[in-house]
Amino acid sequence: MWFKNRKNNKYIPQDWVLHPSHIANTLRIARDEHEKFEVQFHSNGEKRRSTSCLLTDVSKDVLTIECSGLTNLQSSWVGKDVDCYFQVHKVSTGSTFFMFTTQILGVRGYANGTAILTLQTPVKLEQRQKRASLRISPPQQYIMGLAAWIAPDGISTKGTLDIRQWGRPVLTYLPEKSSQIILDNISAGGTKVRIPRAEMRKCDLDFKIGDKLFLLIDLWDPDTGQRVRYWLLCRVQNPFIDFVTHDAELGLQFLFTAQPDKKNTAELRWIEEPIGTGLDSIGNWVMRRHLELYREKGI
């Protein structure tokens, strides 16, 4: 009987909150502290529309949130799913991040532009941040290549792009061959790269906030046994010179992505919609690698 019960028990992750009273209490704390809720609408593409809201009411079956950034309210939203991210501050433990997925039950708007969304009270909370914020330093065997070009001023992100006209990349990384640029970490919304001091001098490089880089990133996906390639236009967010090594560290935000043109694979075609909060495909890859590292090393 013990073996049968153990076999039939469902695995519940340790960071899930399932008890209704615990869920309600956590939500009420966030409401009372006026914590910001980021509501992300589900979509079929890479980009998910998100908006910031405030939780105003918590009941057994329904949550009410106010959103000031929503326009063009649509009755078709009713019945659709959204992801909600928030955090709770505690003096003893610091911030704890939560997310839940739930369904929209009702939509209405006020004359001042505020939208009121009625959501179904979630049956579980997960202790994790949104994927755009989760970043990892991937194992080297998963980084198959990296190349960077200095993007020209006024670069257009419409139509096609012939990367061959840009010449050779300024910096490259190839395992056991070239280490002019190193990928330190990556998330759905951006990456941090490191450029050795010698390469900065050799290539006469100097970066400032707002500069644009065009990156080719090749990652290995052990789940499919295939290489995954990304063409990304990035903005330099945080240029920094390490005080010890004098290497340059660049925090980069993903702005736009491109894909090989179906008619002419030698050219790239821009995905004209901005990346926004992040690329879901990279976010999923990062999440899976994070779970792998956690299981293997407990980090």
C-alpha atoms as a PDB file:
ATOM      1  CA  MET A   1       0.000   0.000   0.000  1.00  0.00           C
ATOM      2  CA  TRP A   2       2.881   2.365   0.787  1.00  0.00           C
ATOM      3  CA  PHE A   3       4.482   1.664  -2.604  1.00  0.00           C
ATOM      4  CA  LYS A   4       1.129   2.078  -4.400  1.00  0.00           C
ATOM      5  CA  ASN A   5       0.430   5.414  -2.710  1.00  0.00           C
ATOM      6  CA  ARG A   6       3.934   6.649  -3.467  1.00  0.00           C
ATOM      7  CA  LYS A   7       3.600   5.630  -7.107  1.00  0.00           C
ATOM      8  CA  ASN A   8       0.268   7.430  -7.474  1.00  0.00           C
ATOM      9  CA  ASN A   9       1.416  10.636  -5.777  1.00  0.00           C
ATOM     10  CA  LYS A  10       1.957  13.545  -8.130  1.00  0.00           C
ATOM     11  CA  TYR A  11       5.263  15.416  -7.964  1.00  0.00           C
ATOM     12  CA  ILE A  12       4.769  18.968  -6.672  1.00  0.00           C
ATOM     13  CA  PRO A  13       7.724  21.378  -7.037  1.00  0.00           C
ATOM     14  CA  GLN A  14       8.929  22.833  -3.762  1.00  0.00           C
ATOM     15  CA  ASP A  15       8.505  26.430  -4.952  1.00  0.00           C
ATOM     16  CA  TRP A  16       4.771  26.093  -5.700  1.00  0.00           C
ATOM     17  CA  VAL A  17       2.190  27.633  -3.373  1.00  0.00           C
ATOM     18  CA  LEU A  18      -1.038  25.600  -3.536  1.00  0.00           C
ATOM     19  CA  HIS A  19      -2.943  26.197  -0.289  1.00  0.00           C
ATOM     20  CA  PRO A  20      -5.794  28.683  -0.976  1.00  0.00           C
ATOM     21  CA  SER A  21      -5.312  30.613   2.275  1.00  0.00           C
ATOM     22  CA  HIS A  22      -1.568  30.980   1.614  1.00  0.00           C
ATOM     23  CA  ILE A  23      -2.273  32.177  -1.940  1.00  0.00           C
ATOM     24  CA  ALA A  24      -4.847  34.701  -0.729  1.00  0.00           C
ATOM     25  CA  ASN A  25      -2.575  35.973   2.058  1.00  0.00           C
ATOM     26  CA  THR A  26       0.359  36.475  -0.352  1.00  0.00           C
ATOM     27  CA  LEU A  27      -1.853  38.371  -2.792  1.00  0.00           C
ATOM     28  CA  ARG A  28      -3.280  40.570  -0.022  1.00  0.00           C
ATOM     29  CA  ILE A  29       0.228  41.469   1.170  1.00  0.00           C
ATOM     30  CA  ALA A  30       1.131  42.509  -2.379  1.00  0.00           C
ATOM     31  CA  ARG A  31      -2.098  44.520  -2.607  1.00  0.00           C
ATOM     32  CA  ASP A  32      -1.560  46.290   0.715  1.00  0.00           C
ATOM     33  CA  GLU A  33       2.039  47.150  -0.199  1.00  0.00           C
ATOM     34  CA  HIS A  34       0.873  48.496  -3.601  1.00  0.00           C
ATOM     35  CA  GLU A  35       3.256  46.181  -5.403  1.00  0.00           C
ATOM     36  CA  LYS A  36       3.359  46.470  -9.185  1.00  0.00           C
ATOM     37  CA  PHE A  37       1.887  43.554 -11.108  1.00  0.00           C
ATOM     38  CA  GLU A  38       3.170  42.936 -14.629  1.00  0.00           C
ATOM     39  CA  VAL A  39       0.432  41.323 -16.690  1.00  0.00           C
ATOM     40  CA  GLN A  40       1.571  39.551 -19.845  1.00  0.00           C
ATOM     41  CA  PHE A  41      -0.964  38.544 -22.487  1.00  0.00           C
ATOM     42  CA  HIS A  42      -0.532  35.182 -24.190  1.00  0.00           C
ATOM     43  CA  SER A  43       0.154  35.259 -27.940  1.00  0.00           C
ATOM     44  CA  ASN A  44       1.285  32.876 -30.642  1.00  0.00           C
ATOM     45  CA  GLY A  45       4.401  34.862 -31.573  1.00  0.00           C
ATOM     46  CA  GLU A  46       7.677  35.613 -29.822  1.00  0.00           C
ATOM     47  CA  LYS A  47       6.459  38.953 -28.471  1.00  0.00           C
ATOM     48  CA  ARG A  48       3.992  39.083 -25.622  1.00  0.00           C
ATOM     49  CA  ARG A  49       2.277  42.339 -24.850  1.00  0.00           C
ATOM     50  CA  SER A  50       2.646  43.318 -21.198  1.00  0.00           C
ATOM     51  CA  THR A  51       1.404  46.129 -19.001  1.00  0.00           C
ATOM     52  CA  SER A  52       1.844  47.257 -15.392  1.00  0.00           C
ATOM     53  CA  CYS A  53      -1.158  47.057 -13.060  1.00  0.00           C
ATOM     54  CA  LEU A  54      -2.172  47.347  -9.408  1.00  0.00           C
ATOM     55  CA  LEU A  55      -4.104  44.708  -7.524  1.00  0.00           C
ATOM     56  CA  THR A  56      -7.108  46.360  -5.855  1.00  0.00           C
ATOM     57  CA  ASP A  57      -9.284  43.503  -4.582  1.00  0.00           C
ATOM     58  CA  VAL A  58      -8.779  39.863  -3.588  1.00  0.00           C
ATOM     59  CA  SER A  59     -11.637  37.437  -3.023  1.00  0.00           C
ATOM     60  CA  LYS A  60     -12.050  33.693  -2.973  1.00  0.00           C
ATOM     61  CA  ASP A  61     -12.863  33.445  -6.689  1.00  0.00           C
ATOM     62  CA  VAL A  62     -11.927  36.781  -8.269  1.00  0.00           C
ATOM     63  CA  LEU A  63      -9.037  39.258  -8.442  1.00  0.00           C
ATOM     64  CA  THR A  64      -9.522  42.859  -9.576  1.00  0.00           C
ATOM     65  CA  ILE A  65      -6.648  44.821 -11.085  1.00  0.00           C
ATOM     66  CA  GLU A  66      -6.375  48.376 -12.421  1.00  0.00           C
ATOM     67  CA  CYS A  67      -4.282  49.065 -15.521  1.00  0.00           C
ATOM     68  CA  SER A  68      -3.556  52.592 -16.735  1.00  0.00           C
ATOM     69  CA  GLY A  69      -1.509  51.599 -19.804  1.00  0.00           C
ATOM     70  CA  LEU A  70      -4.153  49.619 -21.681  1.00  0.00           C
ATOM     71  CA  THR A  71      -5.962  51.041 -24.700  1.00  0.00           C
ATOM     72  CA  ASN A  72      -8.468  49.589 -27.147  1.00  0.00           C
ATOM     73  CA  LEU A  73     -10.188  47.367 -24.615  1.00  0.00           C
ATOM     74  CA  GLN A  74     -11.782  44.371 -26.303  1.00  0.00           C
ATOM     75  CA  SER A  75     -14.519  42.052 -25.104  1.00  0.00           C
ATOM     76  CA  SER A  76     -12.670  39.229 -26.918  1.00  0.00           C
ATOM     77  CA  TRP A  77     -10.099  39.280 -24.090  1.00  0.00           C
ATOM     78  CA  VAL A  78     -12.615  37.529 -21.828  1.00  0.00           C
ATOM     79  CA  GLY A  79     -11.670  33.858 -21.531  1.00  0.00           C
ATOM     80  CA  LYS A  80      -8.043  34.380 -22.534  1.00  0.00           C
ATOM     81  CA  ASP A  81      -5.051  33.570 -20.322  1.00  0.00           C
ATOM     82  CA  VAL A  82      -2.530  36.005 -18.887  1.00  0.00           C
ATOM     83  CA  ASP A  83       0.686  35.576 -16.893  1.00  0.00           C
ATOM     84  CA  CYS A  84       1.062  37.820 -13.840  1.00  0.00           C
ATOM     85  CA  TYR A  85       4.394  38.607 -12.163  1.00  0.00           C
ATOM     86  CA  PHE A  86       4.835  40.375  -8.819  1.00  0.00           C
ATOM     87  CA  GLN A  87       7.027  40.417  -5.734  1.00  0.00           C
ATOM     88  CA  VAL A  88       6.530  40.588  -1.983  1.00  0.00           C
ATOM     89  CA  HIS A  89       9.011  42.396   0.285  1.00  0.00           C
ATOM     90  CA  LYS A  90       9.941  41.042   3.712  1.00  0.00           C
ATOM     91  CA  VAL A  91      12.480  42.619   6.063  1.00  0.00           C
ATOM     92  CA  SER A  92      13.900  39.248   7.127  1.00  0.00           C
ATOM     93  CA  THR A  93      14.139  37.492   3.751  1.00  0.00           C
ATOM     94  CA  GLY A  94      14.129  40.316   1.192  1.00  0.00           C
ATOM     95  CA  SER A  95      12.062  40.134  -1.990  1.00  0.00           C
ATOM     96  CA  THR A  96      10.284  36.962  -3.069  1.00  0.00           C
ATOM     97  CA  PHE A  97       9.157  36.816  -6.699  1.00  0.00           C
ATOM     98  CA  PHE A  98       5.937  35.099  -7.749  1.00  0.00           C
ATOM     99  CA  MET A  99       4.060  34.397 -10.948  1.00  0.00           C
ATOM    100  CA  PHE A 100       0.738  32.803 -11.810  1.00  0.00           C
ATOM    101  CA  THR A 101      -1.308  32.091 -14.904  1.00  0.00           C
ATOM    102  CA  THR A 102      -5.018  32.778 -14.862  1.00  0.00           C
ATOM    103  CA  GLN A 103      -8.010  33.632 -17.029  1.00  0.00           C
ATOM    104  CA  ILE A 104      -9.634  36.999 -17.748  1.00  0.00           C
ATOM    105  CA  LEU A 105     -13.253  36.977 -16.545  1.00  0.00           C
ATOM    106  CA  GLY A 106     -14.242  40.547 -17.319  1.00  0.00           C
ATOM    107  CA  VAL A 107     -13.075  43.830 -18.860  1.00  0.00           C
ATOM    108  CA  ARG A 108     -14.328  47.359 -18.356  1.00  0.00           C
ATOM    109  CA  GLY A 109     -12.912  50.845 -18.724  1.00  0.00           C
ATOM    110  CA  TYR A 110     -13.235  54.222 -17.007  1.00  0.00           C
ATOM    111  CA  ALA A 111     -13.389  57.660 -18.596  1.00  0.00           C
ATOM    112  CA  ASN A 112      -9.942  58.548 -17.204  1.00  0.00           C
ATOM    113  CA  GLY A 113      -8.338  55.792 -19.295  1.00  0.00           C
ATOM    114  CA  THR A 114      -8.008  53.260 -16.479  1.00  0.00           C
ATOM    115  CA  ALA A 115      -8.907  49.691 -17.407  1.00  0.00           C
ATOM    116  CA  ILE A 116     -10.346  47.277 -14.858  1.00  0.00           C
ATOM    117  CA  LEU A 117      -9.656  43.589 -15.416  1.00  0.00           C
ATOM    118  CA  THR A 118     -11.390  40.864 -13.449  1.00  0.00           C
ATOM    119  CA  LEU A 119      -9.252  37.732 -13.177  1.00  0.00           C
ATOM    120  CA  GLN A 120      -9.948  34.283 -11.853  1.00  0.00           C
ATOM    121  CA  THR A 121      -8.158  33.731  -8.536  1.00  0.00           C
ATOM    122  CA  PRO A 122      -5.220  31.410  -9.293  1.00  0.00           C
ATOM    123  CA  VAL A 123      -5.044  27.894  -7.889  1.00  0.00           C
ATOM    124  CA  LYS A 124      -1.255  28.098  -7.528  1.00  0.00           C
ATOM    125  CA  LEU A 125       1.613  30.566  -7.273  1.00  0.00           C
ATOM    126  CA  GLU A 126       5.120  29.802  -8.521  1.00  0.00           C
ATOM    127  CA  GLN A 127       8.141  31.376  -6.871  1.00  0.00           C
ATOM    128  CA  ARG A 128      10.025  32.655  -9.889  1.00  0.00           C
ATOM    129  CA  GLN A 129      10.742  35.782 -11.874  1.00  0.00           C
ATOM    130  CA  LYS A 130       9.618  36.502 -15.399  1.00  0.00           C
ATOM    131  CA  ARG A 131      11.792  34.821 -17.974  1.00  0.00           C
ATOM    132  CA  ALA A 132      13.079  38.079 -19.392  1.00  0.00           C
ATOM    133  CA  SER A 133      14.817  38.654 -16.029  1.00  0.00           C
ATOM    134  CA  LEU A 134      16.136  35.127 -15.504  1.00  0.00           C
ATOM    135  CA  ARG A 135      19.703  34.957 -16.811  1.00  0.00           C
ATOM    136  CA  ILE A 136      22.363  32.283 -16.653  1.00  0.00           C
ATOM    137  CA  SER A 137      26.011  31.853 -17.495  1.00  0.00           C
ATOM    138  CA  PRO A 138      25.606  28.900 -19.870  1.00  0.00           C
ATOM    139  CA  PRO A 139      28.137  26.055 -19.892  1.00  0.00           C
ATOM    140  CA  GLN A 140      30.761  26.608 -22.570  1.00  0.00           C
ATOM    141  CA  GLN A 141      29.774  23.461 -24.443  1.00  0.00           C
ATOM    142  CA  TYR A 142      26.407  25.098 -25.183  1.00  0.00           C
ATOM    143  CA  ILE A 143      27.953  28.174 -26.846  1.00  0.00           C
ATOM    144  CA  MET A 144      28.771  27.209 -30.422  1.00  0.00           C
ATOM    145  CA  GLY A 145      29.682  30.620 -31.779  1.00  0.00           C
ATOM    146  CA  LEU A 146      29.370  34.360 -31.454  1.00  0.00           C
ATOM    147  CA  ALA A 147      30.023  37.196 -33.900  1.00  0.00           C
ATOM    148  CA  ALA A 148      29.541  40.955 -33.556  1.00  0.00           C
ATOM    149  CA  TRP A 149      29.322  43.786 -36.084  1.00  0.00           C
ATOM    150  CA  ILE A 150      29.150  47.503 -35.301  1.00  0.00           C
ATOM    151  CA  ALA A 151      25.703  48.478 -36.581  1.00  0.00           C
ATOM    152  CA  PRO A 152      25.744  51.580 -38.823  1.00  0.00           C
ATOM    153  CA  ASP A 153      24.017  54.765 -37.679  1.00  0.00           C
ATOM    154  CA  GLY A 154      20.400  54.971 -38.732  1.00  0.00           C
ATOM    155  CA  ILE A 155      20.166  51.257 -39.477  1.00  0.00           C
ATOM    156  CA  SER A 156      16.761  50.332 -40.896  1.00  0.00           C
ATOM    157  CA  THR A 157      14.903  47.432 -39.316  1.00  0.00           C
ATOM    158  CA  LYS A 158      12.507  46.968 -42.233  1.00  0.00           C
ATOM    159  CA  GLY A 159      12.757  44.687 -45.243  1.00  0.00           C
ATOM    160  CA  THR A 160      15.888  42.655 -45.888  1.00  0.00           C
ATOM    161  CA  LEU A 161      19.502  42.958 -44.810  1.00  0.00           C
ATOM    162  CA  ASP A 162      22.505  41.616 -46.732  1.00  0.00           C
ATOM    163  CA  ILE A 163      25.010  40.964 -43.973  1.00  0.00           C
ATOM    164  CA  ARG A 164      27.709  40.247 -46.579  1.00  0.00           C
ATOM    165  CA  GLN A 165      27.890  43.973 -47.321  1.00  0.00           C
ATOM    166  CA  TRP A 166      29.071  44.586 -43.763  1.00  0.00           C
ATOM    167  CA  GLY A 167      32.237  42.575 -44.262  1.00  0.00           C
ATOM    168  CA  ARG A 168      33.832  40.363 -41.621  1.00  0.00           C
ATOM    169  CA  PRO A 169      32.593  40.678 -38.029  1.00  0.00           C
ATOM    170  CA  VAL A 170      34.620  42.918 -35.748  1.00  0.00           C
ATOM    171  CA  LEU A 171      34.727  40.314 -32.975  1.00  0.00           C
ATOM    172  CA  THR A 172      34.204  36.553 -33.004  1.00  0.00           C
ATOM    173  CA  TYR A 173      34.092  33.595 -30.669  1.00  0.00           C
ATOM    174  CA  LEU A 174      34.632  30.060 -31.941  1.00  0.00           C
ATOM    175  CA  PRO A 175      35.356  27.252 -29.467  1.00  0.00           C
ATOM    176  CA  GLU A 176      39.106  26.541 -29.291  1.00  0.00           C
ATOM    177  CA  LYS A 177      39.768  28.919 -32.210  1.00  0.00           C
ATOM    178  CA  SER A 178      38.855  32.521 -31.414  1.00  0.00           C
ATOM    179  CA  SER A 179      37.985  34.285 -28.138  1.00  0.00           C
ATOM    180  CA  GLN A 180      37.722  37.932 -29.142  1.00  0.00           C
ATOM    181  CA  ILE A 181      34.328  38.176 -27.428  1.00  0.00           C
ATOM    182  CA  ILE A 182      32.939  35.991 -24.635  1.00  0.00           C
ATOM    183  CA  LEU A 183      29.285  35.486 -23.719  1.00  0.00           C
ATOM    184  CA  ASP A 184      29.114  35.886 -19.928  1.00  0.00           C
ATOM    185  CA  ASN A 185      25.383  35.462 -19.460  1.00  0.00           C
ATOM    186  CA  ILE A 186      22.127  35.567 -21.399  1.00  0.00           C
ATOM    187  CA  SER A 187      18.425  36.090 -20.751  1.00  0.00           C
ATOM    188  CA  ALA A 188      15.305  36.449 -22.875  1.00  0.00           C
ATOM    189  CA  GLY A 189      15.776  40.209 -22.934  1.00  0.00           C
ATOM    190  CA  GLY A 190      19.510  40.622 -23.395  1.00  0.00           C
ATOM    191  CA  THR A 191      23.030  39.417 -22.779  1.00  0.00           C
ATOM    192  CA  LYS A 192      26.327  40.437 -21.220  1.00  0.00           C
ATOM    193  CA  VAL A 193      29.498  39.983 -23.242  1.00  0.00           C
ATOM    194  CA  ARG A 194      33.124  40.479 -22.290  1.00  0.00           C
ATOM    195  CA  ILE A 195      35.827  41.737 -24.626  1.00  0.00           C
ATOM    196  CA  PRO A 196      39.456  41.204 -23.525  1.00  0.00           C
ATOM    197  CA  ARG A 197      41.562  44.334 -23.098  1.00  0.00           C
ATOM    198  CA  ALA A 198      43.960  43.264 -25.859  1.00  0.00           C
ATOM    199  CA  GLU A 199      41.119  42.955 -28.357  1.00  0.00           C
ATOM    200  CA  MET A 200      39.729  46.375 -27.412  1.00  0.00           C
ATOM    201  CA  ARG A 201      43.124  47.896 -28.175  1.00  0.00           C
ATOM    202  CA  LYS A 202      43.753  45.841 -31.284  1.00  0.00           C
ATOM    203  CA  CYS A 203      40.379  46.713 -32.842  1.00  0.00           C
ATOM    204  CA  ASP A 204      40.420  50.293 -31.484  1.00  0.00           C
ATOM    205  CA  LEU A 205      36.996  49.872 -29.922  1.00  0.00           C
ATOM    206  CA  ASP A 206      35.175  52.211 -27.591  1.00  0.00           C
ATOM    207  CA  PHE A 207      31.557  51.734 -26.508  1.00  0.00           C
ATOM    208  CA  LYS A 208      29.064  54.093 -24.925  1.00  0.00           C
ATOM    209  CA  ILE A 209      25.424  53.807 -23.862  1.00  0.00           C
ATOM    210  CA  GLY A 210      23.124  53.736 -26.884  1.00  0.00           C
ATOM    211  CA  ASP A 211      25.617  52.234 -29.352  1.00  0.00           C
ATOM    212  CA  LYS A 212      24.209  49.436 -31.513  1.00  0.00           C
ATOM    213  CA  LEU A 213      25.726  46.005 -32.099  1.00  0.00           C
ATOM    214  CA  PHE A 214      24.478  43.309 -34.444  1.00  0.00           C
ATOM    215  CA  LEU A 215      25.038  39.855 -32.956  1.00  0.00           C
ATOM    216  CA  LEU A 216      25.020  36.352 -34.334  1.00  0.00           C
ATOM    217  CA  ILE A 217      24.595  33.866 -31.476  1.00  0.00           C
ATOM    218  CA  ASP A 218      24.778  30.096 -31.995  1.00  0.00           C
ATOM    219  CA  LEU A 219      23.521  28.028 -29.066  1.00  0.00           C
ATOM    220  CA  TRP A 220      23.327  24.266 -28.677  1.00  0.00           C
ATOM    221  CA  ASP A 221      19.956  22.890 -27.653  1.00  0.00           C
ATOM    222  CA  PRO A 222      20.488  19.465 -26.019  1.00  0.00           C
ATOM    223  CA  ASP A 223      16.721  18.891 -26.004  1.00  0.00           C
ATOM    224  CA  THR A 224      16.584  18.755 -29.807  1.00  0.00           C
ATOM    225  CA  GLY A 225      20.229  17.911 -30.518  1.00  0.00           C
ATOM    226  CA  GLN A 226      20.475  20.893 -32.866  1.00  0.00           C
ATOM    227  CA  ARG A 227      22.127  24.275 -33.139  1.00  0.00           C
ATOM    228  CA  VAL A 228      19.853  27.296 -32.679  1.00  0.00           C
ATOM    229  CA  ARG A 229      20.902  30.512 -34.422  1.00  0.00           C
ATOM    230  CA  TYR A 230      19.849  34.066 -33.552  1.00  0.00           C
ATOM    231  CA  TRP A 231      20.485  37.298 -35.476  1.00  0.00           C
ATOM    232  CA  LEU A 232      19.944  40.184 -33.055  1.00  0.00           C
ATOM    233  CA  LEU A 233      20.217  43.954 -33.127  1.00  0.00           C
ATOM    234  CA  CYS A 234      21.281  45.070 -29.650  1.00  0.00           C
ATOM    235  CA  ARG A 235      21.629  48.323 -27.730  1.00  0.00           C
ATOM    236  CA  VAL A 236      24.543  48.909 -25.356  1.00  0.00           C
ATOM    237  CA  GLN A 237      22.985  49.481 -21.936  1.00  0.00           C
ATOM    238  CA  ASN A 238      25.867  49.198 -19.476  1.00  0.00           C
ATOM    239  CA  PRO A 239      29.450  49.574 -20.736  1.00  0.00           C
ATOM    240  CA  PHE A 240      31.920  48.814 -17.947  1.00  0.00           C
ATOM    241  CA  ILE A 241      35.696  48.391 -17.676  1.00  0.00           C
ATOM    242  CA  ASP A 242      36.792  45.784 -15.135  1.00  0.00           C
ATOM    243  CA  PHE A 243      39.146  47.383 -12.600  1.00  0.00           C
ATOM    244  CA  VAL A 244      41.355  44.297 -12.345  1.00  0.00           C
ATOM    245  CA  THR A 245      41.539  42.823 -15.853  1.00  0.00           C
ATOM    246  CA  HIS A 246      40.629  46.026 -17.755  1.00  0.00           C
ATOM    247  CA  ASP A 247      38.408  43.900 -19.975  1.00  0.00           C
ATOM    248  CA  ALA A 248      35.308  45.602 -21.355  1.00  0.00           C
ATOM    249  CA  GLU A 249      31.943  44.258 -20.186  1.00  0.00           C
ATOM    250  CA  LEU A 250      28.861  45.236 -22.168  1.00  0.00           C
ATOM    251  CA  GLY A 251      25.282  44.767 -21.038  1.00  0.00           C
ATOM    252  CA  LEU A 252      23.210  44.486 -24.224  1.00  0.00           C
ATOM    253  CA  GLN A 253      19.457  44.773 -24.687  1.00  0.00           C
ATOM    254  CA  PHE A 254      17.831  42.842 -27.536  1.00  0.00           C
ATOM    255  CA  LEU A 255      15.927  45.261 -29.802  1.00  0.00           C
ATOM    256  CA  PHE A 256      15.082  43.468 -33.055  1.00  0.00           C
ATOM    257  CA  THR A 257      15.674  40.051 -34.535  1.00  0.00           C
ATOM    258  CA  ALA A 258      16.138  38.892 -38.127  1.00  0.00           C
ATOM    259  CA  GLN A 259      15.763  35.548 -39.885  1.00  0.00           C
ATOM    260  CA  PRO A 260      17.109  34.133 -43.171  1.00  0.00           C
ATOM    261  CA  ASP A 261      14.864  35.183 -46.045  1.00  0.00           C
ATOM    262  CA  LYS A 262      12.872  32.254 -47.428  1.00  0.00           C
ATOM    263  CA  LYS A 263      13.466  33.289 -51.052  1.00  0.00           C
ATOM    264  CA  ASN A 264      17.145  34.136 -50.644  1.00  0.00           C
ATOM    265  CA  THR A 265      18.865  32.479 -47.676  1.00  0.00           C
ATOM    266  CA  ALA A 266      21.942  34.668 -48.210  1.00  0.00           C
ATOM    267  CA  GLU A 267      19.886  37.631 -46.993  1.00  0.00           C
ATOM    268  CA  LEU A 268      18.202  38.296 -43.674  1.00  0.00           C
ATOM    269  CA  ARG A 269      14.677  39.599 -43.242  1.00  0.00           C
ATOM    270  CA  TRP A 270      13.845  41.764 -40.239  1.00  0.00           C
ATOM    271  CA  ILE A 271      11.057  40.833 -37.882  1.00  0.00           C
ATOM    272  CA  GLU A 272       9.699  44.361 -37.824  1.00  0.00           C
ATOM    273  CA  GLU A 273       7.936  44.126 -34.466  1.00  0.00           C
ATOM    274  CA  PRO A 274      10.303  45.092 -31.606  1.00  0.00           C
ATOM    275  CA  ILE A 275      11.374  42.323 -29.253  1.00  0.00           C
ATOM    276  CA  GLY A 276       9.960  44.171 -26.234  1.00  0.00           C
ATOM    277  CA  THR A 277      10.257  42.260 -22.969  1.00  0.00           C
ATOM    278  CA  GLY A 278      12.209  39.393 -24.531  1.00  0.00           C
ATOM    279  CA  LEU A 279      12.309  36.444 -26.911  1.00  0.00           C
ATOM    280  CA  ASP A 280      10.275  33.518 -25.635  1.00  0.00           C
ATOM    281  CA  SER A 281      12.486  30.973 -27.407  1.00  0.00           C
ATOM    282  CA  ILE A 282      15.635  32.250 -25.644  1.00  0.00           C
ATOM    283  CA  GLY A 283      13.710  32.546 -22.373  1.00  0.00           C
ATOM    284  CA  ASN A 284      12.633  28.905 -22.636  1.00  0.00           C
ATOM    285  CA  TRP A 285      16.193  27.817 -23.463  1.00  0.00           C
ATOM    286  CA  VAL A 286      17.531  29.752 -20.450  1.00  0.00           C
ATOM    287  CA  MET A 287      14.873  28.283 -18.159  1.00  0.00           C
ATOM    288  CA  ARG A 288      15.709  24.710 -19.191  1.00  0.00           C
ATOM    289  CA  ARG A 289      19.459  25.258 -18.736  1.00  0.00           C
ATOM    290  CA  HIS A 290      18.789  26.859 -15.343  1.00  0.00           C
ATOM    291  CA  LEU A 291      16.832  23.802 -14.225  1.00  0.00           C
ATOM    292  CA  GLU A 292      19.619  21.524 -15.484  1.00  0.00           C
ATOM    293  CA  LEU A 293      22.230  23.405 -13.456  1.00  0.00           C
ATOM    294  CA  TYR A 294      19.981  23.409 -10.411  1.00  0.00           C
ATOM    295  CA  ARG A 295      19.491  19.656 -10.544  1.00  0.00           C
ATOM    296  CA  GLU A 296      23.168  18.923 -11.192  1.00  0.00           C
ATOM    297  CA  LYS A 297      24.834  21.404  -8.866  1.00  0.00           C
ATOM    298  CA  GLY A 298      22.078  22.841  -6.712  1.00  0.00           C
ATOM    299  CA  ILE A 299      22.613  26.418  -7.948  1.00  0.00           C
END
